[in-house]
Amino acid sequence: MEQEPVKVYALSTCGYCRSAKKLLDDSMVKYDHVDVDLLQGKEREAVMAEVRKLNPQLSFPIIVIGEKTIVGFREDEIKKSLGIK
C-alpha cells in the first residue's frame, strides 16, 4: 500500500518534535520535515503562514498525514493514522 505523504513542522529545540521524528524514523516512515525556527526571511514567512492555517495556536510538532493534521506528539493517533503498531 502506498504511504500517504507525511510532513512534520517542528522546532529544533522541541523535545516533543524530536520524539515525533524518532517515532517516524523507528517505524521507517518516509517524511519531510521543516525546523521552522531555523528558517529565515521569506522562506520562514511562507512556512509560518502555512503553519498558521494548520494550527493557529502555533504549537509544535504539527504532523500532516495526507489530509489529516495532528498537533502535538500524540503517539497513538500518529500510529493509527499511519497504520503502524
Protein backbone atom coordinates (compact mmCIF):
# COMPACT_ATOMS: atom_id res chain seq x y z
CA MET A 1 0.00 0.00 0.00
CA GLU A 2 1.29 3.44 -0.93
CA GLN A 3 2.01 5.59 2.11
CA GLU A 4 0.27 8.95 2.27
CA PRO A 5 2.67 11.89 2.23
CA VAL A 6 3.84 12.87 5.71
CA LYS A 7 5.20 16.29 6.66
CA VAL A 8 6.41 17.38 10.07
CA TYR A 9 6.63 21.02 11.10
CA ALA A 10 8.92 21.17 14.11
CA LEU A 11 11.18 23.36 16.22
CA SER A 12 14.81 22.31 16.51
CA THR A 13 14.68 22.79 20.30
CA CYS A 14 11.39 20.91 20.93
CA GLY A 15 11.55 17.56 22.74
CA TYR A 16 8.09 16.51 21.53
CA CYS A 17 9.18 17.27 17.96
CA ARG A 18 12.24 15.05 18.41
CA SER A 19 10.02 12.29 19.82
CA ALA A 20 7.68 12.54 16.83
CA LYS A 21 10.57 12.33 14.35
CA LYS A 22 12.08 9.41 16.28
CA LEU A 23 8.75 7.55 16.15
CA LEU A 24 8.58 8.07 12.38
CA ASP A 25 12.24 7.06 11.94
CA ASP A 26 11.85 3.95 14.13
CA SER A 27 8.74 2.98 12.14
CA MET A 28 10.63 3.53 8.87
CA VAL A 29 8.10 6.12 7.70
CA LYS A 30 9.29 8.43 4.93
CA TYR A 31 8.56 12.05 5.74
CA ASP A 32 9.58 15.61 5.01
CA HIS A 33 10.30 17.89 7.91
CA VAL A 34 10.92 21.55 8.46
CA ASP A 35 12.55 23.02 11.56
CA VAL A 36 10.56 26.25 11.43
CA ASP A 37 12.80 28.10 13.91
CA LEU A 38 15.84 27.59 11.67
CA LEU A 39 14.25 29.25 8.62
CA GLN A 40 14.85 32.88 7.80
CA GLY A 41 13.35 35.69 5.78
CA LYS A 42 10.75 34.97 3.09
CA GLU A 43 11.02 31.20 3.47
CA ARG A 44 10.18 31.49 7.19
CA GLU A 45 7.26 33.84 6.46
CA ALA A 46 5.83 31.42 3.88
CA VAL A 47 6.13 28.40 6.18
CA MET A 48 4.67 30.32 9.14
CA ALA A 49 1.64 31.25 7.01
CA GLU A 50 1.21 27.55 6.18
CA VAL A 51 1.60 26.59 9.85
CA ARG A 52 -0.97 29.20 10.97
CA LYS A 53 -3.56 27.66 8.63
CA LEU A 54 -2.93 24.20 10.11
CA ASN A 55 -2.69 25.32 13.74
CA PRO A 56 -3.49 28.92 14.68
CA GLN A 57 -2.08 28.31 18.20
CA LEU A 58 1.36 27.72 16.64
CA SER A 59 2.17 24.78 18.90
CA PHE A 60 4.54 22.07 17.67
CA PRO A 61 5.01 19.48 16.33
CA ILE A 62 2.44 19.64 13.57
CA ILE A 63 2.28 16.37 11.67
CA VAL A 64 0.37 16.26 8.40
CA ILE A 65 -0.50 12.78 7.15
CA GLY A 66 -2.31 13.03 3.85
CA GLU A 67 -5.33 15.24 4.63
CA LYS A 68 -5.10 14.75 8.41
CA THR A 69 -3.33 17.15 10.76
CA ILE A 70 -2.14 16.05 14.20
CA VAL A 71 -0.94 18.76 16.57
CA GLY A 72 1.41 17.65 19.32
CA PHE A 73 3.13 14.34 19.91
CA ARG A 74 0.10 12.05 20.12
CA GLU A 75 1.83 8.72 19.61
CA ASP A 76 -1.30 6.55 19.42
CA GLU A 77 -3.04 8.90 16.98
CA ILE A 78 0.07 9.13 14.79
CA LYS A 79 0.44 5.34 14.70
CA LYS A 80 -3.25 4.84 13.96
CA SER A 81 -3.17 7.41 11.14
CA LEU A 82 -0.16 5.68 9.60
CA GLY A 83 -1.47 2.17 10.21
CA ILE A 84 1.56 1.14 12.27
CA LYS A 85 1.69 -0.82 15.53
